Amino acid sequence: MTIETTILDFQLSNTYGEYESYMNAEEQQSMFKEMGVKTFYIGKSLDDPQKATVIFQGPENVLHDIFMNPETKPIVEASGHIYQGTKITRWIS
């Protein structure tokens, strides 16, 4: 199985603290665990407190497919993540 590292850069509709709490909540973490995905890093920009980055690792295509599925948009946005304008970079080793 190929492991993919996915980096999302995006704007927030809420505070970074609210976003981080949402992402670290037990419900979210158990959902990621079921998908075989680890949240590697969550951080905010030093220049813009409304901009965040998340680095995930998991099976190839899993996060990309979830993020690109229009049905998951409301789930993504519930965290404060602004869907539109998200920059996605994907890496494999």
N, C-alpha and C. Protein backbone atom coordinates (compact mmCIF):
# COMPACT_ATOMS: atom_id res chain seq x y z
N MET A 1 0.85 -1.19 0.00
CA MET A 1 0.00 0.00 0.00
C MET A 1 0.89 1.26 0.00
N THR A 2 0.56 2.17 -0.87
CA THR A 2 1.29 3.43 -0.94
C THR A 2 0.69 4.43 0.05
N ILE A 3 1.57 5.06 0.83
CA ILE A 3 1.13 6.08 1.78
C ILE A 3 1.26 7.44 1.12
N GLU A 4 0.19 8.20 1.18
CA GLU A 4 0.17 9.54 0.61
C GLU A 4 0.17 10.57 1.74
N THR A 5 0.95 11.61 1.56
CA THR A 5 0.92 12.76 2.46
C THR A 5 0.17 13.86 1.73
N THR A 6 -0.89 14.35 2.33
CA THR A 6 -1.73 15.38 1.71
C THR A 6 -1.64 16.64 2.55
N ILE A 7 -1.35 17.76 1.87
CA ILE A 7 -1.24 19.05 2.56
C ILE A 7 -2.36 19.95 2.04
N LEU A 8 -3.15 20.46 2.97
CA LEU A 8 -4.25 21.38 2.63
C LEU A 8 -3.91 22.76 3.20
N ASP A 9 -3.94 23.77 2.35
CA ASP A 9 -3.78 25.17 2.77
C ASP A 9 -5.09 25.87 2.48
N PHE A 10 -5.66 26.55 3.47
CA PHE A 10 -7.01 27.09 3.30
C PHE A 10 -7.29 28.23 4.27
N GLN A 11 -8.37 28.94 4.00
CA GLN A 11 -8.85 30.02 4.87
C GLN A 11 -9.85 29.44 5.87
N LEU A 12 -9.99 30.11 6.99
CA LEU A 12 -10.93 29.71 8.04
C LEU A 12 -12.08 30.70 8.15
N SER A 13 -13.27 30.17 8.44
CA SER A 13 -14.43 31.02 8.68
C SER A 13 -14.61 31.28 10.18
N ASN A 14 -13.84 30.57 11.00
CA ASN A 14 -13.89 30.75 12.46
C ASN A 14 -12.47 31.01 12.95
N THR A 15 -12.23 30.90 14.24
CA THR A 15 -10.88 31.12 14.75
C THR A 15 -10.06 29.84 14.58
N TYR A 16 -8.75 30.00 14.60
CA TYR A 16 -7.88 28.83 14.51
C TYR A 16 -8.13 27.89 15.71
N GLY A 17 -8.32 28.46 16.89
CA GLY A 17 -8.58 27.65 18.08
C GLY A 17 -9.82 26.79 17.94
N GLU A 18 -10.87 27.37 17.37
CA GLU A 18 -12.12 26.61 17.15
C GLU A 18 -11.89 25.49 16.14
N TYR A 19 -11.15 25.81 15.08
CA TYR A 19 -10.86 24.80 14.06
C TYR A 19 -10.04 23.65 14.65
N GLU A 20 -9.00 24.00 15.38
CA GLU A 20 -8.12 22.99 15.97
C GLU A 20 -8.89 22.09 16.94
N SER A 21 -9.76 22.68 17.76
CA SER A 21 -10.57 21.90 18.70
C SER A 21 -11.47 20.92 17.95
N TYR A 22 -12.08 21.39 16.87
CA TYR A 22 -12.96 20.54 16.05
C TYR A 22 -12.17 19.35 15.49
N MET A 23 -11.00 19.64 14.94
CA MET A 23 -10.20 18.59 14.30
C MET A 23 -9.67 17.58 15.32
N ASN A 24 -9.38 18.03 16.53
CA ASN A 24 -8.83 17.15 17.55
C ASN A 24 -9.90 16.45 18.38
N ALA A 25 -11.16 16.75 18.12
CA ALA A 25 -12.26 16.12 18.86
C ALA A 25 -12.27 14.61 18.61
N GLU A 26 -12.69 13.87 19.61
CA GLU A 26 -12.70 12.41 19.54
C GLU A 26 -13.46 11.89 18.32
N GLU A 27 -14.60 12.51 18.03
CA GLU A 27 -15.42 12.07 16.90
C GLU A 27 -14.65 12.17 15.58
N GLN A 28 -13.96 13.29 15.36
CA GLN A 28 -13.19 13.47 14.13
C GLN A 28 -12.02 12.51 14.08
N GLN A 29 -11.31 12.38 15.18
CA GLN A 29 -10.14 11.51 15.21
C GLN A 29 -10.52 10.05 14.98
N SER A 30 -11.66 9.62 15.52
CA SER A 30 -12.07 8.23 15.30
C SER A 30 -12.48 8.02 13.83
N MET A 31 -13.08 9.04 13.21
CA MET A 31 -13.43 8.95 11.78
C MET A 31 -12.14 8.81 10.95
N PHE A 32 -11.14 9.63 11.25
CA PHE A 32 -9.87 9.54 10.52
C PHE A 32 -9.23 8.17 10.73
N LYS A 33 -9.28 7.68 11.96
CA LYS A 33 -8.67 6.38 12.27
C LYS A 33 -9.34 5.27 11.46
N GLU A 34 -10.67 5.31 11.34
CA GLU A 34 -11.40 4.32 10.54
C GLU A 34 -10.94 4.33 9.08
N MET A 35 -10.58 5.51 8.57
CA MET A 35 -10.13 5.64 7.19
C MET A 35 -8.65 5.31 7.04
N GLY A 36 -7.96 5.07 8.15
CA GLY A 36 -6.53 4.81 8.10
C GLY A 36 -5.70 6.06 7.93
N VAL A 37 -6.27 7.20 8.34
CA VAL A 37 -5.63 8.50 8.14
C VAL A 37 -5.15 9.06 9.47
N LYS A 38 -3.93 9.62 9.45
CA LYS A 38 -3.39 10.29 10.63
C LYS A 38 -3.31 11.79 10.35
N THR A 39 -3.69 12.60 11.33
CA THR A 39 -3.49 14.04 11.25
C THR A 39 -2.08 14.28 11.75
N PHE A 40 -1.21 14.64 10.84
CA PHE A 40 0.21 14.78 11.12
C PHE A 40 0.53 16.13 11.72
N TYR A 41 -0.16 17.17 11.26
CA TYR A 41 0.15 18.54 11.67
C TYR A 41 -1.05 19.44 11.41
N ILE A 42 -1.34 20.33 12.34
CA ILE A 42 -2.34 21.39 12.16
C ILE A 42 -1.66 22.68 12.60
N GLY A 43 -1.65 23.68 11.73
CA GLY A 43 -1.00 24.93 12.09
C GLY A 43 -1.66 26.13 11.45
N LYS A 44 -1.36 27.31 11.99
CA LYS A 44 -1.90 28.54 11.41
C LYS A 44 -0.76 29.40 10.90
N SER A 45 -1.08 30.23 9.94
CA SER A 45 -0.10 31.13 9.34
C SER A 45 0.32 32.21 10.34
N LEU A 46 1.60 32.54 10.34
CA LEU A 46 2.08 33.66 11.15
C LEU A 46 1.62 34.99 10.58
N ASP A 47 1.42 35.03 9.26
CA ASP A 47 1.03 36.27 8.57
C ASP A 47 -0.47 36.52 8.56
N ASP A 48 -1.26 35.45 8.61
CA ASP A 48 -2.71 35.58 8.49
C ASP A 48 -3.39 34.58 9.42
N PRO A 49 -3.93 35.04 10.57
CA PRO A 49 -4.53 34.12 11.54
C PRO A 49 -5.77 33.39 11.01
N GLN A 50 -6.29 33.80 9.85
CA GLN A 50 -7.44 33.12 9.25
C GLN A 50 -7.02 32.08 8.22
N LYS A 51 -5.71 31.80 8.13
CA LYS A 51 -5.21 30.81 7.18
C LYS A 51 -4.59 29.66 7.95
N ALA A 52 -4.93 28.42 7.54
CA ALA A 52 -4.44 27.24 8.24
C ALA A 52 -3.88 26.22 7.25
N THR A 53 -3.08 25.32 7.79
CA THR A 53 -2.53 24.20 7.03
C THR A 53 -2.75 22.94 7.85
N VAL A 54 -3.12 21.88 7.15
CA VAL A 54 -3.22 20.57 7.79
C VAL A 54 -2.45 19.59 6.93
N ILE A 55 -1.67 18.73 7.58
CA ILE A 55 -0.94 17.68 6.88
C ILE A 55 -1.49 16.34 7.38
N PHE A 56 -1.98 15.55 6.44
CA PHE A 56 -2.53 14.22 6.72
C PHE A 56 -1.64 13.17 6.08
N GLN A 57 -1.62 11.98 6.65
CA GLN A 57 -1.02 10.83 5.99
C GLN A 57 -2.01 9.68 6.03
N GLY A 58 -2.11 9.00 4.88
CA GLY A 58 -3.02 7.86 4.80
C GLY A 58 -2.86 7.15 3.47
N PRO A 59 -3.71 6.16 3.22
CA PRO A 59 -3.64 5.44 1.96
C PRO A 59 -3.81 6.39 0.77
N GLU A 60 -3.12 6.07 -0.32
CA GLU A 60 -3.15 6.91 -1.51
C GLU A 60 -4.59 7.18 -1.96
N ASN A 61 -4.88 8.41 -2.29
CA ASN A 61 -6.17 8.90 -2.81
C ASN A 61 -7.28 9.05 -1.78
N VAL A 62 -7.16 8.49 -0.59
CA VAL A 62 -8.27 8.52 0.37
C VAL A 62 -8.70 9.96 0.69
N LEU A 63 -7.76 10.79 1.12
CA LEU A 63 -8.14 12.16 1.49
C LEU A 63 -8.54 12.99 0.29
N HIS A 64 -7.84 12.82 -0.81
CA HIS A 64 -8.18 13.56 -2.02
C HIS A 64 -9.60 13.23 -2.47
N ASP A 65 -9.95 11.92 -2.48
CA ASP A 65 -11.29 11.51 -2.91
C ASP A 65 -12.37 12.05 -1.98
N ILE A 66 -12.10 12.05 -0.68
CA ILE A 66 -13.07 12.58 0.28
C ILE A 66 -13.25 14.08 0.05
N PHE A 67 -12.13 14.77 -0.10
CA PHE A 67 -12.20 16.22 -0.24
C PHE A 67 -12.87 16.63 -1.56
N MET A 68 -12.67 15.86 -2.61
CA MET A 68 -13.22 16.21 -3.92
C MET A 68 -14.69 15.81 -4.08
N ASN A 69 -15.21 15.02 -3.14
CA ASN A 69 -16.60 14.57 -3.20
C ASN A 69 -17.51 15.70 -2.70
N PRO A 70 -18.42 16.20 -3.58
CA PRO A 70 -19.29 17.31 -3.17
C PRO A 70 -20.14 17.01 -1.93
N GLU A 71 -20.43 15.74 -1.68
CA GLU A 71 -21.25 15.36 -0.53
C GLU A 71 -20.53 15.63 0.79
N THR A 72 -19.21 15.68 0.77
CA THR A 72 -18.48 15.91 2.02
C THR A 72 -18.23 17.38 2.29
N LYS A 73 -18.58 18.25 1.34
CA LYS A 73 -18.34 19.69 1.51
C LYS A 73 -18.94 20.24 2.81
N PRO A 74 -20.21 19.92 3.15
CA PRO A 74 -20.77 20.45 4.42
C PRO A 74 -20.00 19.95 5.65
N ILE A 75 -19.48 18.73 5.59
CA ILE A 75 -18.72 18.17 6.72
C ILE A 75 -17.40 18.92 6.86
N VAL A 76 -16.74 19.14 5.72
CA VAL A 76 -15.47 19.89 5.71
C VAL A 76 -15.70 21.29 6.27
N GLU A 77 -16.75 21.96 5.78
CA GLU A 77 -17.00 23.35 6.18
C GLU A 77 -17.50 23.48 7.62
N ALA A 78 -18.05 22.41 8.19
CA ALA A 78 -18.51 22.45 9.59
C ALA A 78 -17.35 22.74 10.54
N SER A 79 -16.14 22.41 10.12
CA SER A 79 -14.95 22.63 10.96
C SER A 79 -14.49 24.08 10.95
N GLY A 80 -14.99 24.86 9.98
CA GLY A 80 -14.51 26.23 9.79
C GLY A 80 -13.61 26.35 8.57
N HIS A 81 -13.33 25.21 7.95
CA HIS A 81 -12.51 25.16 6.73
C HIS A 81 -13.32 25.72 5.57
N ILE A 82 -12.82 26.77 4.93
CA ILE A 82 -13.49 27.32 3.75
C ILE A 82 -13.04 26.51 2.54
N TYR A 83 -13.99 25.79 1.98
CA TYR A 83 -13.76 24.83 0.90
C TYR A 83 -13.16 25.50 -0.33
N GLN A 84 -13.79 26.60 -0.75
CA GLN A 84 -13.34 27.28 -1.96
C GLN A 84 -11.96 27.89 -1.76
N GLY A 85 -11.09 27.67 -2.72
CA GLY A 85 -9.75 28.24 -2.67
C GLY A 85 -8.74 27.38 -1.94
N THR A 86 -9.14 26.21 -1.48
CA THR A 86 -8.21 25.32 -0.80
C THR A 86 -7.14 24.84 -1.78
N LYS A 87 -5.89 24.94 -1.34
CA LYS A 87 -4.78 24.43 -2.14
C LYS A 87 -4.42 23.05 -1.60
N ILE A 88 -4.43 22.06 -2.50
CA ILE A 88 -4.12 20.69 -2.11
C ILE A 88 -2.82 20.27 -2.79
N THR A 89 -1.85 19.80 -2.01
CA THR A 89 -0.68 19.18 -2.60
C THR A 89 -0.57 17.77 -2.05
N ARG A 90 -0.17 16.85 -2.92
CA ARG A 90 -0.14 15.42 -2.57
C ARG A 90 1.26 14.88 -2.83
N TRP A 91 1.74 14.06 -1.92
CA TRP A 91 3.10 13.53 -1.98
C TRP A 91 3.10 12.04 -1.66
N ILE A 92 3.91 11.27 -2.37
CA ILE A 92 4.08 9.86 -2.03
C ILE A 92 5.57 9.55 -1.94
N SER A 93 5.89 8.51 -1.16
CA SER A 93 7.30 8.10 -1.06
C SER A 93 7.42 6.63 -1.41
